[in-house]
Amino acid sequence: MQEDSVQITGFHAHVYFDTATREVAARVREGLSNFDVLLGRWHDKPIGPHPKSMYQVAFSPDQFSKVVPWLMLNREVLDILVHPETGDDVKDHTNHALWLGEKLELNINFLQQLGTTE
């Protein structure tokens, strides 16, 4: 097996919510504040490739083993996309993605129009 030359520079978790689950999302966000993460803004409308309201959580590879298991156990009813940052936004949001809860349909065409960030 050859070593893959793609490097993961960080991770994003996108925590999706709607009006009925915004309080749950706030509780999850409060719990996430106990980790070494960067909490992004609340987006109350779909933005970019994301089909629902969400906020982003950015974290380093060394935090993955702490943040993702916590999300697995504490996401309540929320759907969460976890993906690496490799410089290829399309692959990161599709082939390399991990879903907690329901897998939502992303607007991949939006990412394809942006191109990759390599």
C-alpha atoms as a PDB file:
ATOM      1  CA  MET A   1       0.000   0.000   0.000  1.00  0.00           C
ATOM      2  CA  GLN A   2       1.464   3.339  -1.028  1.00  0.00           C
ATOM      3  CA  GLU A   3       1.369   6.327   1.270  1.00  0.00           C
ATOM      4  CA  ASP A   4      -1.051   8.985   0.059  1.00  0.00           C
ATOM      5  CA  SER A   5       0.644  12.317  -0.607  1.00  0.00           C
ATOM      6  CA  VAL A   6      -2.486  14.295   0.312  1.00  0.00           C
ATOM      7  CA  GLN A   7      -2.058  16.073   3.612  1.00  0.00           C
ATOM      8  CA  ILE A   8      -4.866  16.988   6.002  1.00  0.00           C
ATOM      9  CA  THR A   9      -4.227  20.463   7.362  1.00  0.00           C
ATOM     10  CA  GLY A  10      -7.378  20.669   9.480  1.00  0.00           C
ATOM     11  CA  PHE A  11     -11.017  19.626   9.836  1.00  0.00           C
ATOM     12  CA  HIS A  12     -14.398  21.312   9.665  1.00  0.00           C
ATOM     13  CA  ALA A  13     -17.617  20.157  11.270  1.00  0.00           C
ATOM     14  CA  HIS A  14     -20.791  21.741   9.907  1.00  0.00           C
ATOM     15  CA  VAL A  15     -23.591  21.579  12.472  1.00  0.00           C
ATOM     16  CA  TYR A  16     -26.968  21.835  10.724  1.00  0.00           C
ATOM     17  CA  PHE A  17     -30.126  23.113  12.382  1.00  0.00           C
ATOM     18  CA  ASP A  18     -33.520  24.659  11.669  1.00  0.00           C
ATOM     19  CA  THR A  19     -35.856  26.820  13.734  1.00  0.00           C
ATOM     20  CA  ALA A  20     -37.076  23.792  15.698  1.00  0.00           C
ATOM     21  CA  THR A  21     -33.539  22.607  16.569  1.00  0.00           C
ATOM     22  CA  ARG A  22     -31.721  25.925  17.041  1.00  0.00           C
ATOM     23  CA  GLU A  23     -31.713  25.529  20.851  1.00  0.00           C
ATOM     24  CA  VAL A  24     -30.193  22.055  20.477  1.00  0.00           C
ATOM     25  CA  ALA A  25     -27.535  23.531  18.181  1.00  0.00           C
ATOM     26  CA  ALA A  26     -26.818  26.165  20.824  1.00  0.00           C
ATOM     27  CA  ARG A  27     -26.321  23.449  23.478  1.00  0.00           C
ATOM     28  CA  VAL A  28     -23.969  21.530  21.182  1.00  0.00           C
ATOM     29  CA  ARG A  29     -22.090  24.751  20.439  1.00  0.00           C
ATOM     30  CA  GLU A  30     -21.721  25.434  24.165  1.00  0.00           C
ATOM     31  CA  GLY A  31     -20.243  21.956  24.632  1.00  0.00           C
ATOM     32  CA  LEU A  32     -17.862  22.475  21.720  1.00  0.00           C
ATOM     33  CA  SER A  33     -16.530  25.620  23.388  1.00  0.00           C
ATOM     34  CA  ASN A  34     -14.762  23.306  25.874  1.00  0.00           C
ATOM     35  CA  PHE A  35     -12.472  22.071  23.082  1.00  0.00           C
ATOM     36  CA  ASP A  36      -9.632  23.749  21.220  1.00  0.00           C
ATOM     37  CA  VAL A  37     -11.819  24.711  18.238  1.00  0.00           C
ATOM     38  CA  LEU A  38     -12.738  27.813  16.294  1.00  0.00           C
ATOM     39  CA  LEU A  39     -16.501  28.352  16.297  1.00  0.00           C
ATOM     40  CA  GLY A  40     -17.797  30.053  13.167  1.00  0.00           C
ATOM     41  CA  ARG A  41     -20.763  32.380  12.787  1.00  0.00           C
ATOM     42  CA  TRP A  42     -24.358  31.221  12.856  1.00  0.00           C
ATOM     43  CA  HIS A  43     -25.781  31.066   9.327  1.00  0.00           C
ATOM     44  CA  ASP A  44     -29.582  31.150   9.582  1.00  0.00           C
ATOM     45  CA  LYS A  45     -30.015  30.504   5.855  1.00  0.00           C
ATOM     46  CA  PRO A  46     -28.336  28.051   3.469  1.00  0.00           C
ATOM     47  CA  ILE A  47     -24.897  29.281   2.415  1.00  0.00           C
ATOM     48  CA  GLY A  48     -22.417  27.969  -0.148  1.00  0.00           C
ATOM     49  CA  PRO A  49     -22.860  24.233  -0.628  1.00  0.00           C
ATOM     50  CA  HIS A  50     -24.844  23.828   2.595  1.00  0.00           C
ATOM     51  CA  PRO A  51     -28.590  23.155   2.192  1.00  0.00           C
ATOM     52  CA  LYS A  52     -29.653  24.235   5.684  1.00  0.00           C
ATOM     53  CA  SER A  53     -28.826  26.702   8.398  1.00  0.00           C
ATOM     54  CA  MET A  54     -25.546  25.801  10.081  1.00  0.00           C
ATOM     55  CA  TYR A  55     -22.425  26.911  11.856  1.00  0.00           C
ATOM     56  CA  GLN A  56     -18.914  25.679  11.191  1.00  0.00           C
ATOM     57  CA  VAL A  57     -16.445  24.338  13.719  1.00  0.00           C
ATOM     58  CA  ALA A  58     -12.783  24.331  12.658  1.00  0.00           C
ATOM     59  CA  PHE A  59     -10.214  22.202  14.434  1.00  0.00           C
ATOM     60  CA  SER A  60      -6.729  20.805  13.949  1.00  0.00           C
ATOM     61  CA  PRO A  61      -5.951  17.159  13.171  1.00  0.00           C
ATOM     62  CA  ASP A  62      -4.737  16.580  16.742  1.00  0.00           C
ATOM     63  CA  GLN A  63      -8.217  17.540  18.025  1.00  0.00           C
ATOM     64  CA  PHE A  64     -10.084  15.049  15.789  1.00  0.00           C
ATOM     65  CA  SER A  65      -9.939  12.211  18.346  1.00  0.00           C
ATOM     66  CA  LYS A  66     -11.475  14.482  20.982  1.00  0.00           C
ATOM     67  CA  VAL A  67     -14.037  16.503  19.006  1.00  0.00           C
ATOM     68  CA  VAL A  68     -15.572  13.865  16.714  1.00  0.00           C
ATOM     69  CA  PRO A  69     -16.306  11.243  19.401  1.00  0.00           C
ATOM     70  CA  TRP A  70     -17.853  13.982  21.543  1.00  0.00           C
ATOM     71  CA  LEU A  71     -20.058  15.028  18.596  1.00  0.00           C
ATOM     72  CA  MET A  72     -21.038  11.384  18.019  1.00  0.00           C
ATOM     73  CA  LEU A  73     -22.355  11.110  21.557  1.00  0.00           C
ATOM     74  CA  ASN A  74     -23.723  14.627  22.036  1.00  0.00           C
ATOM     75  CA  ARG A  75     -25.185  15.761  18.690  1.00  0.00           C
ATOM     76  CA  GLU A  76     -28.716  14.888  19.901  1.00  0.00           C
ATOM     77  CA  VAL A  77     -30.945  15.086  16.772  1.00  0.00           C
ATOM     78  CA  LEU A  78     -28.619  17.232  14.661  1.00  0.00           C
ATOM     79  CA  ASP A  79     -27.032  16.258  11.361  1.00  0.00           C
ATOM     80  CA  ILE A  80     -23.323  17.035  11.164  1.00  0.00           C
ATOM     81  CA  LEU A  81     -20.859  16.937   8.293  1.00  0.00           C
ATOM     82  CA  VAL A  82     -17.216  16.402   9.261  1.00  0.00           C
ATOM     83  CA  HIS A  83     -14.631  16.803   6.531  1.00  0.00           C
ATOM     84  CA  PRO A  84     -10.887  17.267   6.194  1.00  0.00           C
ATOM     85  CA  GLU A  85      -9.141  20.235   4.646  1.00  0.00           C
ATOM     86  CA  THR A  86      -6.839  18.895   1.932  1.00  0.00           C
ATOM     87  CA  GLY A  87      -7.073  21.699  -0.619  1.00  0.00           C
ATOM     88  CA  ASP A  88      -9.694  19.903  -2.721  1.00  0.00           C
ATOM     89  CA  ASP A  89     -13.058  21.257  -1.571  1.00  0.00           C
ATOM     90  CA  VAL A  90     -15.110  18.928  -3.780  1.00  0.00           C
ATOM     91  CA  LYS A  91     -13.446  15.721  -2.563  1.00  0.00           C
ATOM     92  CA  ASP A  92     -13.332  16.986   1.024  1.00  0.00           C
ATOM     93  CA  HIS A  93     -17.116  17.522   1.040  1.00  0.00           C
ATOM     94  CA  THR A  94     -17.893  14.243  -0.817  1.00  0.00           C
ATOM     95  CA  ASN A  95     -15.420  11.339  -0.976  1.00  0.00           C
ATOM     96  CA  HIS A  96     -13.583  12.295   2.210  1.00  0.00           C
ATOM     97  CA  ALA A  97     -16.644  13.318   4.244  1.00  0.00           C
ATOM     98  CA  LEU A  98     -18.000  11.736   7.414  1.00  0.00           C
ATOM     99  CA  TRP A  99     -21.670  12.199   8.336  1.00  0.00           C
ATOM    100  CA  LEU A 100     -23.219  12.022  11.783  1.00  0.00           C
ATOM    101  CA  GLY A 101     -26.975  11.646  11.445  1.00  0.00           C
ATOM    102  CA  GLU A 102     -28.640  12.040   8.058  1.00  0.00           C
ATOM    103  CA  LYS A 103     -26.474  12.632   4.995  1.00  0.00           C
ATOM    104  CA  LEU A 104     -27.765  15.861   3.464  1.00  0.00           C
ATOM    105  CA  GLU A 105     -27.618  16.748  -0.225  1.00  0.00           C
ATOM    106  CA  LEU A 106     -24.908  19.376  -0.671  1.00  0.00           C
ATOM    107  CA  ASN A 107     -24.695  21.787  -3.593  1.00  0.00           C
ATOM    108  CA  ILE A 108     -21.501  20.304  -5.012  1.00  0.00           C
ATOM    109  CA  ASN A 109     -21.914  22.387  -8.168  1.00  0.00           C
ATOM    110  CA  PHE A 110     -21.185  25.447  -5.999  1.00  0.00           C
ATOM    111  CA  LEU A 111     -17.841  23.920  -4.959  1.00  0.00           C
ATOM    112  CA  GLN A 112     -16.997  22.830  -8.509  1.00  0.00           C
ATOM    113  CA  GLN A 113     -17.450  26.415  -9.685  1.00  0.00           C
ATOM    114  CA  LEU A 114     -14.999  27.602  -7.028  1.00  0.00           C
ATOM    115  CA  GLY A 115     -12.367  25.074  -8.120  1.00  0.00           C
ATOM    116  CA  THR A 116      -9.851  23.591  -5.754  1.00  0.00           C
ATOM    117  CA  THR A 117      -7.677  25.598  -3.382  1.00  0.00           C
ATOM    118  CA  GLU A 118      -4.479  23.661  -4.053  1.00  0.00           C
END
